[in-house]
C-alpha atoms as a PDB file:
ATOM      1  CA  UNK A   1      19.577  -4.023  -5.846  1.00  0.00           C
ATOM      2  CA  UNK A   2      17.413  -2.390  -8.470  1.00  0.00           C
ATOM      3  CA  UNK A   3      17.116   1.393  -8.373  1.00  0.00           C
ATOM      4  CA  UNK A   4      13.311   1.137  -8.371  1.00  0.00           C
ATOM      5  CA  UNK A   5      13.443  -0.973  -5.203  1.00  0.00           C
ATOM      6  CA  UNK A   6      15.707   1.545  -3.494  1.00  0.00           C
ATOM      7  CA  UNK A   7      13.337   4.343  -4.489  1.00  0.00           C
ATOM      8  CA  UNK A   8      10.433   2.644  -2.726  1.00  0.00           C
ATOM      9  CA  UNK A   9      12.106   2.447   0.698  1.00  0.00           C
ATOM     10  CA  UNK A  10      10.199   4.431   3.331  1.00  0.00           C
ATOM     11  CA  UNK A  11      11.826   7.820   3.723  1.00  0.00           C
ATOM     12  CA  UNK A  12      13.748   7.627   0.431  1.00  0.00           C
ATOM     13  CA  UNK A  13      14.394  10.861  -1.458  1.00  0.00           C
ATOM     14  CA  UNK A  14      12.113   9.592  -4.245  1.00  0.00           C
ATOM     15  CA  UNK A  15       9.182   9.009  -1.875  1.00  0.00           C
ATOM     16  CA  UNK A  16       9.798  12.379  -0.228  1.00  0.00           C
ATOM     17  CA  UNK A  17       9.765  14.060  -3.645  1.00  0.00           C
ATOM     18  CA  UNK A  18       6.565  12.479  -4.937  1.00  0.00           C
ATOM     19  CA  UNK A  19       4.641  12.863  -1.698  1.00  0.00           C
ATOM     20  CA  UNK A  20       6.007  16.313  -0.821  1.00  0.00           C
ATOM     21  CA  UNK A  21       5.036  15.653   2.786  1.00  0.00           C
ATOM     22  CA  UNK A  22       1.443  14.685   1.933  1.00  0.00           C
ATOM     23  CA  UNK A  23       0.956  10.958   1.421  1.00  0.00           C
ATOM     24  CA  UNK A  24      -2.577  11.372   0.056  1.00  0.00           C
ATOM     25  CA  UNK A  25      -2.657  14.612  -1.937  1.00  0.00           C
ATOM     26  CA  UNK A  26      -5.721  16.117  -3.546  1.00  0.00           C
ATOM     27  CA  UNK A  27      -9.356  15.090  -3.404  1.00  0.00           C
ATOM     28  CA  UNK A  28      -8.652  11.477  -4.398  1.00  0.00           C
ATOM     29  CA  UNK A  29      -9.649   8.827  -1.853  1.00  0.00           C
ATOM     30  CA  UNK A  30      -6.827   6.396  -1.118  1.00  0.00           C
ATOM     31  CA  UNK A  31      -6.848   2.869   0.301  1.00  0.00           C
ATOM     32  CA  UNK A  32      -4.189   0.295   1.085  1.00  0.00           C
ATOM     33  CA  UNK A  33      -4.245  -3.404   1.907  1.00  0.00           C
ATOM     34  CA  UNK A  34      -1.269  -4.802   3.787  1.00  0.00           C
ATOM     35  CA  UNK A  35      -0.269  -8.016   5.541  1.00  0.00           C
ATOM     36  CA  UNK A  36       2.505  -9.215   7.844  1.00  0.00           C
ATOM     37  CA  UNK A  37       2.818 -12.255   5.523  1.00  0.00           C
ATOM     38  CA  UNK A  38       3.803 -10.083   2.533  1.00  0.00           C
ATOM     39  CA  UNK A  39       7.426 -11.006   1.925  1.00  0.00           C
ATOM     40  CA  UNK A  40       7.931  -8.315  -0.731  1.00  0.00           C
ATOM     41  CA  UNK A  41       6.963  -5.097   1.054  1.00  0.00           C
ATOM     42  CA  UNK A  42       9.323  -4.749   4.019  1.00  0.00           C
ATOM     43  CA  UNK A  43       8.431  -3.630   6.498  1.00  0.00           C
ATOM     44  CA  UNK A  44       4.843  -4.454   5.603  1.00  0.00           C
ATOM     45  CA  UNK A  45       3.613  -1.530   7.731  1.00  0.00           C
ATOM     46  CA  UNK A  46       5.219   0.882   5.257  1.00  0.00           C
ATOM     47  CA  UNK A  47       2.218   0.271   2.997  1.00  0.00           C
ATOM     48  CA  UNK A  48      -0.014   2.365   5.275  1.00  0.00           C
ATOM     49  CA  UNK A  49      -0.614   5.954   4.210  1.00  0.00           C
ATOM     50  CA  UNK A  50      -1.639   8.819   6.457  1.00  0.00           C
ATOM     51  CA  UNK A  51      -5.064   9.953   5.283  1.00  0.00           C
ATOM     52  CA  UNK A  52      -5.920   6.669   3.536  1.00  0.00           C
ATOM     53  CA  UNK A  53      -8.271   3.847   4.430  1.00  0.00           C
ATOM     54  CA  UNK A  54      -5.678   1.288   5.548  1.00  0.00           C
ATOM     55  CA  UNK A  55      -6.793  -2.345   5.666  1.00  0.00           C
ATOM     56  CA  UNK A  56      -4.802  -4.944   7.587  1.00  0.00           C
ATOM     57  CA  UNK A  57      -5.141  -8.403   6.016  1.00  0.00           C
ATOM     58  CA  UNK A  58      -4.476 -11.186   8.534  1.00  0.00           C
ATOM     59  CA  UNK A  59      -2.072 -13.215   6.401  1.00  0.00           C
ATOM     60  CA  UNK A  60      -1.670 -12.840   2.661  1.00  0.00           C
ATOM     61  CA  UNK A  61       1.351 -13.022   0.387  1.00  0.00           C
ATOM     62  CA  UNK A  62       2.165 -10.262  -2.061  1.00  0.00           C
ATOM     63  CA  UNK A  63       0.951 -12.232  -5.079  1.00  0.00           C
ATOM     64  CA  UNK A  64      -1.852 -13.834  -3.090  1.00  0.00           C
ATOM     65  CA  UNK A  65      -3.770 -10.550  -3.154  1.00  0.00           C
ATOM     66  CA  UNK A  66      -4.448 -11.188  -6.844  1.00  0.00           C
ATOM     67  CA  UNK A  67      -6.677 -14.171  -6.061  1.00  0.00           C
ATOM     68  CA  UNK A  68      -7.951 -13.329  -2.570  1.00  0.00           C
ATOM     69  CA  UNK A  69     -11.681 -12.908  -3.168  1.00  0.00           C
ATOM     70  CA  UNK A  70     -12.193 -11.196   0.203  1.00  0.00           C
ATOM     71  CA  UNK A  71      -9.592  -8.539  -0.578  1.00  0.00           C
ATOM     72  CA  UNK A  72     -10.802  -8.161  -4.171  1.00  0.00           C
ATOM     73  CA  UNK A  73     -14.370  -7.667  -2.921  1.00  0.00           C
ATOM     74  CA  UNK A  74     -13.170  -5.059  -0.427  1.00  0.00           C
ATOM     75  CA  UNK A  75     -11.341  -3.224  -3.206  1.00  0.00           C
ATOM     76  CA  UNK A  76     -14.397  -3.318  -5.482  1.00  0.00           C
ATOM     77  CA  UNK A  77     -16.589  -1.993  -2.650  1.00  0.00           C
ATOM     78  CA  UNK A  78     -14.103   0.785  -1.914  1.00  0.00           C
ATOM     79  CA  UNK A  79     -14.070   1.853  -5.558  1.00  0.00           C
ATOM     80  CA  UNK A  80     -17.870   1.725  -5.757  1.00  0.00           C
ATOM     81  CA  UNK A  81     -18.382   3.824  -2.620  1.00  0.00           C
END
């Protein structure tokens, strides 16, 4: 397995180091979109961040987000707000 994949596991030393206990540091607003049909992020619930606007998408693949106009509109609205 690639080192970068291992680093992204929930609870990994890398994640602990970059988050330093705060998943959404600073004044930046954070948002996530996640789906049980995402076969890349496992478990898919690990996408959620404490302190972020977390959006559950009913069923979308990892690459499918790139063309999902509903999700893309939600992202654009989040950035605009």
